[in-house]
Amino acid sequence: MRHTGAVRITVWVRPGSARPGVGGERDGALVVQVSKRAVDGQATAAALAAVAAAFGVPRRSVTLVAGAASRTKILEVEGADPALLQRLLAGAG
């Protein structure tokens, strides 16, 4: 089933992680672990790509709304399944 519309999510990015992945929850935010360091926006770019992959949408469907220089970011994901977000928050991909 193809979802239309956007889901706005809060993510908490952990740069420099040895085990990149999307899943789990920290203070209500979806945890996104990326191997890239927080240098020149590399961790943010990796986080957007990881979220796109987790939701099965193209990278262009994920937009950074707020938090470019913060670990806590607000993203908008076009075509995302809200039920999948709940599963990811619960730690189950």
PDB file of N, CA and C in Angstrom:
ATOM      1  N   MET A   1       0.833  -1.177   0.000  1.00  0.00           N
ATOM      2  CA  MET A   1       0.000   0.000   0.000  1.00  0.00           C
ATOM      3  C   MET A   1       0.881   1.245   0.000  1.00  0.00           C
ATOM      4  N   ARG A   2       0.625   2.140  -0.925  1.00  0.00           N
ATOM      5  CA  ARG A   2       1.409   3.372  -1.032  1.00  0.00           C
ATOM      6  C   ARG A   2       0.759   4.460  -0.176  1.00  0.00           C
ATOM      7  N   HIS A   3       1.546   5.049   0.698  1.00  0.00           N
ATOM      8  CA  HIS A   3       1.022   6.117   1.550  1.00  0.00           C
ATOM      9  C   HIS A   3       1.284   7.464   0.895  1.00  0.00           C
ATOM     10  N   THR A   4       0.327   8.337   1.006  1.00  0.00           N
ATOM     11  CA  THR A   4       0.510   9.685   0.486  1.00  0.00           C
ATOM     12  C   THR A   4       0.533  10.646   1.656  1.00  0.00           C
ATOM     13  N   GLY A   5       0.983  11.837   1.413  1.00  0.00           N
ATOM     14  CA  GLY A   5       1.114  12.780   2.505  1.00  0.00           C
ATOM     15  C   GLY A   5       2.425  12.565   3.227  1.00  0.00           C
ATOM     16  N   ALA A   6       2.682  13.428   4.178  1.00  0.00           N
ATOM     17  CA  ALA A   6       3.961  13.380   4.884  1.00  0.00           C
ATOM     18  C   ALA A   6       3.759  13.073   6.355  1.00  0.00           C
ATOM     19  N   VAL A   7       4.736  12.402   6.918  1.00  0.00           N
ATOM     20  CA  VAL A   7       4.778  12.141   8.347  1.00  0.00           C
ATOM     21  C   VAL A   7       5.922  12.979   8.894  1.00  0.00           C
ATOM     22  N   ARG A   8       5.649  13.773   9.928  1.00  0.00           N
ATOM     23  CA  ARG A   8       6.692  14.587  10.561  1.00  0.00           C
ATOM     24  C   ARG A   8       7.201  13.812  11.771  1.00  0.00           C
ATOM     25  N   ILE A   9       8.501  13.612  11.811  1.00  0.00           N
ATOM     26  CA  ILE A   9       9.083  12.844  12.902  1.00  0.00           C
ATOM     27  C   ILE A   9      10.254  13.596  13.529  1.00  0.00           C
ATOM     28  N   THR A  10      10.474  13.335  14.799  1.00  0.00           N
ATOM     29  CA  THR A  10      11.646  13.856  15.503  1.00  0.00           C
ATOM     30  C   THR A  10      12.640  12.711  15.587  1.00  0.00           C
ATOM     31  N   VAL A  11      13.879  12.988  15.203  1.00  0.00           N
ATOM     32  CA  VAL A  11      14.924  11.967  15.285  1.00  0.00           C
ATOM     33  C   VAL A  11      16.053  12.469  16.167  1.00  0.00           C
ATOM     34  N   TRP A  12      16.729  11.528  16.793  1.00  0.00           N
ATOM     35  CA  TRP A  12      17.926  11.812  17.584  1.00  0.00           C
ATOM     36  C   TRP A  12      19.073  11.099  16.890  1.00  0.00           C
ATOM     37  N   VAL A  13      20.036  11.874  16.399  1.00  0.00           N
ATOM     38  CA  VAL A  13      21.128  11.319  15.606  1.00  0.00           C
ATOM     39  C   VAL A  13      22.337  11.050  16.485  1.00  0.00           C
ATOM     40  N   ARG A  14      22.878   9.848  16.332  1.00  0.00           N
ATOM     41  CA  ARG A  14      24.115   9.481  17.033  1.00  0.00           C
ATOM     42  C   ARG A  14      25.211   9.295  15.987  1.00  0.00           C
ATOM     43  N   PRO A  15      26.034  10.339  15.777  1.00  0.00           N
ATOM     44  CA  PRO A  15      27.106  10.236  14.780  1.00  0.00           C
ATOM     45  C   PRO A  15      28.265   9.378  15.273  1.00  0.00           C
ATOM     46  N   GLY A  16      29.047   8.873  14.337  1.00  0.00           N
ATOM     47  CA  GLY A  16      30.229   8.102  14.685  1.00  0.00           C
ATOM     48  C   GLY A  16      29.933   6.742  15.274  1.00  0.00           C
ATOM     49  N   SER A  17      28.772   6.201  14.969  1.00  0.00           N
ATOM     50  CA  SER A  17      28.384   4.912  15.536  1.00  0.00           C
ATOM     51  C   SER A  17      29.044   3.757  14.779  1.00  0.00           C
ATOM     52  N   ALA A  18      29.478   2.770  15.528  1.00  0.00           N
ATOM     53  CA  ALA A  18      30.066   1.577  14.913  1.00  0.00           C
ATOM     54  C   ALA A  18      28.983   0.695  14.291  1.00  0.00           C
ATOM     55  N   ARG A  19      27.733   0.855  14.762  1.00  0.00           N
ATOM     56  CA  ARG A  19      26.631   0.034  14.248  1.00  0.00           C
ATOM     57  C   ARG A  19      25.498   0.943  13.756  1.00  0.00           C
ATOM     58  N   PRO A  20      25.608   1.440  12.510  1.00  0.00           N
ATOM     59  CA  PRO A  20      24.568   2.313  11.977  1.00  0.00           C
ATOM     60  C   PRO A  20      23.226   1.601  11.892  1.00  0.00           C
ATOM     61  N   GLY A  21      22.161   2.344  12.074  1.00  0.00           N
ATOM     62  CA  GLY A  21      20.831   1.764  11.959  1.00  0.00           C
ATOM     63  C   GLY A  21      19.770   2.730  12.445  1.00  0.00           C
ATOM     64  N   VAL A  22      18.525   2.382  12.180  1.00  0.00           N
ATOM     65  CA  VAL A  22      17.388   3.194  12.588  1.00  0.00           C
ATOM     66  C   VAL A  22      16.492   2.335  13.458  1.00  0.00           C
ATOM     67  N   GLY A  23      16.209   2.800  14.663  1.00  0.00           N
ATOM     68  CA  GLY A  23      15.323   2.049  15.540  1.00  0.00           C
ATOM     69  C   GLY A  23      15.579   2.365  16.997  1.00  0.00           C
ATOM     70  N   GLY A  24      14.517   2.316  17.745  1.00  0.00           N
ATOM     71  CA  GLY A  24      14.603   2.634  19.155  1.00  0.00           C
ATOM     72  C   GLY A  24      14.119   4.052  19.391  1.00  0.00           C
ATOM     73  N   GLU A  25      14.023   4.390  20.667  1.00  0.00           N
ATOM     74  CA  GLU A  25      13.447   5.673  21.031  1.00  0.00           C
ATOM     75  C   GLU A  25      14.256   6.308  22.148  1.00  0.00           C
ATOM     76  N   ARG A  26      14.443   7.609  22.068  1.00  0.00           N
ATOM     77  CA  ARG A  26      15.146   8.362  23.108  1.00  0.00           C
ATOM     78  C   ARG A  26      14.363   9.652  23.320  1.00  0.00           C
ATOM     79  N   ASP A  27      13.764   9.805  24.469  1.00  0.00           N
ATOM     80  CA  ASP A  27      12.964  10.991  24.799  1.00  0.00           C
ATOM     81  C   ASP A  27      11.908  11.284  23.736  1.00  0.00           C
ATOM     82  N   GLY A  28      11.287  10.235  23.221  1.00  0.00           N
ATOM     83  CA  GLY A  28      10.222  10.404  22.232  1.00  0.00           C
ATOM     84  C   GLY A  28      10.688  10.546  20.806  1.00  0.00           C
ATOM     85  N   ALA A  29      11.996  10.566  20.593  1.00  0.00           N
ATOM     86  CA  ALA A  29      12.542  10.714  19.241  1.00  0.00           C
ATOM     87  C   ALA A  29      13.046   9.371  18.715  1.00  0.00           C
ATOM     88  N   LEU A  30      12.943   9.179  17.411  1.00  0.00           N
ATOM     89  CA  LEU A  30      13.453   7.985  16.755  1.00  0.00           C
ATOM     90  C   LEU A  30      14.974   8.056  16.717  1.00  0.00           C
ATOM     91  N   VAL A  31      15.657   7.009  17.165  1.00  0.00           N
ATOM     92  CA  VAL A  31      17.121   6.985  17.187  1.00  0.00           C
ATOM     93  C   VAL A  31      17.649   6.581  15.815  1.00  0.00           C
ATOM     94  N   VAL A  32      18.575   7.406  15.303  1.00  0.00           N
ATOM     95  CA  VAL A  32      19.230   7.141  14.021  1.00  0.00           C
ATOM     96  C   VAL A  32      20.729   7.156  14.268  1.00  0.00           C
ATOM     97  N   GLN A  33      21.357   5.991  14.152  1.00  0.00           N
ATOM     98  CA  GLN A  33      22.806   5.878  14.350  1.00  0.00           C
ATOM     99  C   GLN A  33      23.476   5.856  12.986  1.00  0.00           C
ATOM    100  N   VAL A  34      24.473   6.730  12.816  1.00  0.00           N
ATOM    101  CA  VAL A  34      25.193   6.798  11.540  1.00  0.00           C
ATOM    102  C   VAL A  34      26.690   6.703  11.799  1.00  0.00           C
ATOM    103  N   SER A  35      27.416   6.178  10.825  1.00  0.00           N
ATOM    104  CA  SER A  35      28.861   6.032  10.983  1.00  0.00           C
ATOM    105  C   SER A  35      29.590   7.345  10.714  1.00  0.00           C
ATOM    106  N   LYS A  36      28.986   8.233   9.949  1.00  0.00           N
ATOM    107  CA  LYS A  36      29.613   9.523   9.631  1.00  0.00           C
ATOM    108  C   LYS A  36      29.745  10.378  10.882  1.00  0.00           C
ATOM    109  N   ARG A  37      30.779  11.193  10.915  1.00  0.00           N
ATOM    110  CA  ARG A  37      31.001  12.124  12.017  1.00  0.00           C
ATOM    111  C   ARG A  37      30.205  13.405  11.770  1.00  0.00           C
ATOM    112  N   ALA A  38      29.988  14.157  12.826  1.00  0.00           N
ATOM    113  CA  ALA A  38      29.250  15.418  12.721  1.00  0.00           C
ATOM    114  C   ALA A  38      30.180  16.524  12.210  1.00  0.00           C
ATOM    115  N   VAL A  39      30.604  16.396  10.958  1.00  0.00           N
ATOM    116  CA  VAL A  39      31.504  17.359  10.337  1.00  0.00           C
ATOM    117  C   VAL A  39      30.911  17.774   8.996  1.00  0.00           C
ATOM    118  N   ASP A  40      30.757  19.069   8.802  1.00  0.00           N
ATOM    119  CA  ASP A  40      30.261  19.616   7.532  1.00  0.00           C
ATOM    120  C   ASP A  40      28.941  18.986   7.086  1.00  0.00           C
ATOM    121  N   GLY A  41      28.081  18.674   8.034  1.00  0.00           N
ATOM    122  CA  GLY A  41      26.769  18.142   7.684  1.00  0.00           C
ATOM    123  C   GLY A  41      26.753  16.691   7.246  1.00  0.00           C
ATOM    124  N   GLN A  42      27.879  15.991   7.385  1.00  0.00           N
ATOM    125  CA  GLN A  42      27.954  14.600   6.932  1.00  0.00           C
ATOM    126  C   GLN A  42      27.009  13.692   7.722  1.00  0.00           C
ATOM    127  N   ALA A  43      26.947  13.887   9.037  1.00  0.00           N
ATOM    128  CA  ALA A  43      26.075  13.042   9.858  1.00  0.00           C
ATOM    129  C   ALA A  43      24.610  13.306   9.520  1.00  0.00           C
ATOM    130  N   THR A  44      24.267  14.557   9.285  1.00  0.00           N
ATOM    131  CA  THR A  44      22.883  14.894   8.921  1.00  0.00           C
ATOM    132  C   THR A  44      22.515  14.248   7.599  1.00  0.00           C
ATOM    133  N   ALA A  45      23.388  14.360   6.604  1.00  0.00           N
ATOM    134  CA  ALA A  45      23.117  13.749   5.293  1.00  0.00           C
ATOM    135  C   ALA A  45      22.961  12.237   5.423  1.00  0.00           C
ATOM    136  N   ALA A  46      23.816  11.611   6.226  1.00  0.00           N
ATOM    137  CA  ALA A  46      23.730  10.165   6.431  1.00  0.00           C
ATOM    138  C   ALA A  46      22.434   9.797   7.145  1.00  0.00           C
ATOM    139  N   ALA A  47      22.026  10.637   8.111  1.00  0.00           N
ATOM    140  CA  ALA A  47      20.788  10.371   8.852  1.00  0.00           C
ATOM    141  C   ALA A  47      19.569  10.451   7.929  1.00  0.00           C
ATOM    142  N   LEU A  48      19.536  11.437   7.046  1.00  0.00           N
ATOM    143  CA  LEU A  48      18.412  11.567   6.112  1.00  0.00           C
ATOM    144  C   LEU A  48      18.345  10.359   5.187  1.00  0.00           C
ATOM    145  N   ALA A  49      19.509   9.914   4.717  1.00  0.00           N
ATOM    146  CA  ALA A  49      19.553   8.738   3.851  1.00  0.00           C
ATOM    147  C   ALA A  49      19.109   7.483   4.602  1.00  0.00           C
ATOM    148  N   ALA A  50      19.527   7.353   5.862  1.00  0.00           N
ATOM    149  CA  ALA A  50      19.155   6.186   6.669  1.00  0.00           C
ATOM    150  C   ALA A  50      17.655   6.158   6.929  1.00  0.00           C
ATOM    151  N   VAL A  51      17.071   7.316   7.218  1.00  0.00           N
ATOM    152  CA  VAL A  51      15.624   7.385   7.451  1.00  0.00           C
ATOM    153  C   VAL A  51      14.867   7.033   6.171  1.00  0.00           C
ATOM    154  N   ALA A  52      15.341   7.541   5.039  1.00  0.00           N
ATOM    155  CA  ALA A  52      14.702   7.210   3.753  1.00  0.00           C
ATOM    156  C   ALA A  52      14.724   5.704   3.511  1.00  0.00           C
ATOM    157  N   ALA A  53      15.875   5.080   3.761  1.00  0.00           N
ATOM    158  CA  ALA A  53      15.996   3.636   3.569  1.00  0.00           C
ATOM    159  C   ALA A  53      15.079   2.874   4.520  1.00  0.00           C
ATOM    160  N   ALA A  54      15.016   3.328   5.771  1.00  0.00           N
ATOM    161  CA  ALA A  54      14.184   2.640   6.772  1.00  0.00           C
ATOM    162  C   ALA A  54      12.704   2.684   6.389  1.00  0.00           C
ATOM    163  N   PHE A  55      12.282   3.787   5.781  1.00  0.00           N
ATOM    164  CA  PHE A  55      10.879   3.921   5.392  1.00  0.00           C
ATOM    165  C   PHE A  55      10.608   3.442   3.968  1.00  0.00           C
ATOM    166  N   GLY A  56      11.665   3.060   3.248  1.00  0.00           N
ATOM    167  CA  GLY A  56      11.490   2.565   1.893  1.00  0.00           C
ATOM    168  C   GLY A  56      11.040   3.635   0.913  1.00  0.00           C
ATOM    169  N   VAL A  57      11.520   4.857   1.133  1.00  0.00           N
ATOM    170  CA  VAL A  57      11.181   5.960   0.233  1.00  0.00           C
ATOM    171  C   VAL A  57      12.471   6.517  -0.360  1.00  0.00           C
ATOM    172  N   PRO A  58      12.372   7.221  -1.501  1.00  0.00           N
ATOM    173  CA  PRO A  58      13.579   7.835  -2.066  1.00  0.00           C
ATOM    174  C   PRO A  58      14.146   8.902  -1.130  1.00  0.00           C
ATOM    175  N   ARG A  59      15.445   9.121  -1.184  1.00  0.00           N
ATOM    176  CA  ARG A  59      16.100  10.109  -0.330  1.00  0.00           C
ATOM    177  C   ARG A  59      15.450  11.485  -0.494  1.00  0.00           C
ATOM    178  N   ARG A  60      15.018  11.826  -1.701  1.00  0.00           N
ATOM    179  CA  ARG A  60      14.406  13.144  -1.940  1.00  0.00           C
ATOM    180  C   ARG A  60      13.072  13.314  -1.209  1.00  0.00           C
ATOM    181  N   SER A  61      12.522  12.221  -0.691  1.00  0.00           N
ATOM    182  CA  SER A  61      11.257  12.282   0.047  1.00  0.00           C
ATOM    183  C   SER A  61      11.442  12.665   1.510  1.00  0.00           C
ATOM    184  N   VAL A  62      12.699  12.776   1.956  1.00  0.00           N
ATOM    185  CA  VAL A  62      12.985  13.130   3.354  1.00  0.00           C
ATOM    186  C   VAL A  62      13.545  14.546   3.395  1.00  0.00           C
ATOM    187  N   THR A  63      12.860  15.415   4.136  1.00  0.00           N
ATOM    188  CA  THR A  63      13.247  16.822   4.229  1.00  0.00           C
ATOM    189  C   THR A  63      13.578  17.182   5.675  1.00  0.00           C
ATOM    190  N   LEU A  64      14.691  17.889   5.847  1.00  0.00           N
ATOM    191  CA  LEU A  64      15.061  18.406   7.165  1.00  0.00           C
ATOM    192  C   LEU A  64      14.239  19.665   7.421  1.00  0.00           C
ATOM    193  N   VAL A  65      13.428  19.646   8.469  1.00  0.00           N
ATOM    194  CA  VAL A  65      12.582  20.792   8.818  1.00  0.00           C
ATOM    195  C   VAL A  65      13.298  21.693   9.822  1.00  0.00           C
ATOM    196  N   ALA A  66      13.948  21.090  10.803  1.00  0.00           N
ATOM    197  CA  ALA A  66      14.640  21.866  11.835  1.00  0.00           C
ATOM    198  C   ALA A  66      15.746  21.027  12.452  1.00  0.00           C
ATOM    199  N   GLY A  67      16.773  21.702  12.990  1.00  0.00           N
ATOM    200  CA  GLY A  67      17.821  21.011  13.734  1.00  0.00           C
ATOM    201  C   GLY A  67      19.066  20.681  12.949  1.00  0.00           C
ATOM    202  N   ALA A  68      19.409  21.476  11.941  1.00  0.00           N
ATOM    203  CA  ALA A  68      20.577  21.183  11.108  1.00  0.00           C
ATOM    204  C   ALA A  68      21.854  21.000  11.925  1.00  0.00           C
ATOM    205  N   ALA A  69      22.029  21.793  12.979  1.00  0.00           N
ATOM    206  CA  ALA A  69      23.261  21.723  13.773  1.00  0.00           C
ATOM    207  C   ALA A  69      23.049  21.027  15.115  1.00  0.00           C
ATOM    208  N   SER A  70      21.951  20.317  15.256  1.00  0.00           N
ATOM    209  CA  SER A  70      21.609  19.670  16.522  1.00  0.00           C
ATOM    210  C   SER A  70      21.522  18.161  16.340  1.00  0.00           C
ATOM    211  N   ARG A  71      21.701  17.421  17.414  1.00  0.00           N
ATOM    212  CA  ARG A  71      21.490  15.971  17.337  1.00  0.00           C
ATOM    213  C   ARG A  71      20.010  15.647  17.198  1.00  0.00           C
ATOM    214  N   THR A  72      19.158  16.517  17.744  1.00  0.00           N
ATOM    215  CA  THR A  72      17.718  16.319  17.627  1.00  0.00           C
ATOM    216  C   THR A  72      17.233  17.094  16.411  1.00  0.00           C
ATOM    217  N   LYS A  73      16.623  16.389  15.476  1.00  0.00           N
ATOM    218  CA  LYS A  73      16.181  16.992  14.223  1.00  0.00           C
ATOM    219  C   LYS A  73      14.711  16.679  13.987  1.00  0.00           C
ATOM    220  N   ILE A  74      14.051  17.545  13.265  1.00  0.00           N
ATOM    221  CA  ILE A  74      12.677  17.286  12.842  1.00  0.00           C
ATOM    222  C   ILE A  74      12.720  17.063  11.334  1.00  0.00           C
ATOM    223  N   LEU A  75      12.176  15.931  10.913  1.00  0.00           N
ATOM    224  CA  LEU A  75      12.165  15.563   9.505  1.00  0.00           C
ATOM    225  C   LEU A  75      10.736  15.397   9.023  1.00  0.00           C
ATOM    226  N   GLU A  76      10.549  15.593   7.737  1.00  0.00           N
ATOM    227  CA  GLU A  76       9.271  15.302   7.113  1.00  0.00           C
ATOM    228  C   GLU A  76       9.541  14.214   6.076  1.00  0.00           C
ATOM    229  N   VAL A  77       8.766  13.132   6.150  1.00  0.00           N
ATOM    230  CA  VAL A  77       8.981  11.991   5.266  1.00  0.00           C
ATOM    231  C   VAL A  77       7.740  11.807   4.406  1.00  0.00           C
ATOM    232  N   GLU A  78       7.868  12.104   3.110  1.00  0.00           N
ATOM    233  CA  GLU A  78       6.757  11.947   2.167  1.00  0.00           C
ATOM    234  C   GLU A  78       6.532  10.462   1.886  1.00  0.00           C
ATOM    235  N   GLY A  79       5.279  10.044   1.957  1.00  0.00           N
ATOM    236  CA  GLY A  79       4.942   8.667   1.624  1.00  0.00           C
ATOM    237  C   GLY A  79       5.279   7.647   2.695  1.00  0.00           C
ATOM    238  N   ALA A  80       5.560   8.100   3.917  1.00  0.00           N
ATOM    239  CA  ALA A  80       5.926   7.181   5.002  1.00  0.00           C
ATOM    240  C   ALA A  80       4.687   6.532   5.609  1.00  0.00           C
ATOM    241  N   ASP A  81       4.861   5.327   6.076  1.00  0.00           N
ATOM    242  CA  ASP A  81       3.798   4.575   6.742  1.00  0.00           C
ATOM    243  C   ASP A  81       3.867   4.884   8.243  1.00  0.00           C
ATOM    244  N   PRO A  82       2.848   5.549   8.805  1.00  0.00           N
ATOM    245  CA  PRO A  82       2.874   5.870  10.241  1.00  0.00           C
ATOM    246  C   PRO A  82       2.997   4.634  11.128  1.00  0.00           C
ATOM    247  N   ALA A  83       2.467   3.508  10.683  1.00  0.00           N
ATOM    248  CA  ALA A  83       2.568   2.275  11.482  1.00  0.00           C
ATOM    249  C   ALA A  83       4.019   1.802  11.541  1.00  0.00           C
ATOM    250  N   LEU A  84       4.765   2.008  10.454  1.00  0.00           N
ATOM    251  CA  LEU A  84       6.190   1.630  10.439  1.00  0.00           C
ATOM    252  C   LEU A  84       6.957   2.504  11.427  1.00  0.00           C
ATOM    253  N   LEU A  85       6.596   3.778  11.525  1.00  0.00           N
ATOM    254  CA  LEU A  85       7.238   4.651  12.506  1.00  0.00           C
ATOM    255  C   LEU A  85       7.068   4.096  13.907  1.00  0.00           C
ATOM    256  N   GLN A  86       5.867   3.629  14.248  1.00  0.00           N
ATOM    257  CA  GLN A  86       5.625   3.052  15.573  1.00  0.00           C
ATOM    258  C   GLN A  86       6.486   1.820  15.799  1.00  0.00           C
ATOM    259  N   ARG A  87       6.639   0.984  14.767  1.00  0.00           N
ATOM    260  CA  ARG A  87       7.482  -0.217  14.900  1.00  0.00           C
ATOM    261  C   ARG A  87       8.948   0.162  15.091  1.00  0.00           C
ATOM    262  N   LEU A  88       9.413   1.182  14.350  1.00  0.00           N
ATOM    263  CA  LEU A  88      10.799   1.615  14.485  1.00  0.00           C
ATOM    264  C   LEU A  88      11.063   2.203  15.872  1.00  0.00           C
ATOM    265  N   LEU A  89      10.125   2.986  16.371  1.00  0.00           N
ATOM    266  CA  LEU A  89      10.268   3.543  17.719  1.00  0.00           C
ATOM    267  C   LEU A  89      10.347   2.443  18.772  1.00  0.00           C
ATOM    268  N   ALA A  90       9.619   1.355  18.522  1.00  0.00           N
ATOM    269  CA  ALA A  90       9.631   0.236  19.442  1.00  0.00           C
ATOM    270  C   ALA A  90      10.914  -0.583  19.327  1.00  0.00           C
ATOM    271  N   GLY A  91      11.732  -0.260  18.321  1.00  0.00           N
ATOM    272  CA  GLY A  91      13.007  -0.942  18.150  1.00  0.00           C
ATOM    273  C   GLY A  91      12.962  -2.125  17.216  1.00  0.00           C
ATOM    274  N   ALA A  92      11.823  -2.324  16.551  1.00  0.00           N
ATOM    275  CA  ALA A  92      11.680  -3.441  15.617  1.00  0.00           C
ATOM    276  C   ALA A  92      11.617  -2.904  14.198  1.00  0.00           C
ATOM    277  N   GLY A  93      12.648  -3.217  13.390  1.00  0.00           N
ATOM    278  CA  GLY A  93      12.660  -2.755  11.999  1.00  0.00           C
ATOM    279  C   GLY A  93      11.729  -3.581  11.235  1.00  0.00           C
TER     280      GLY A  93
END
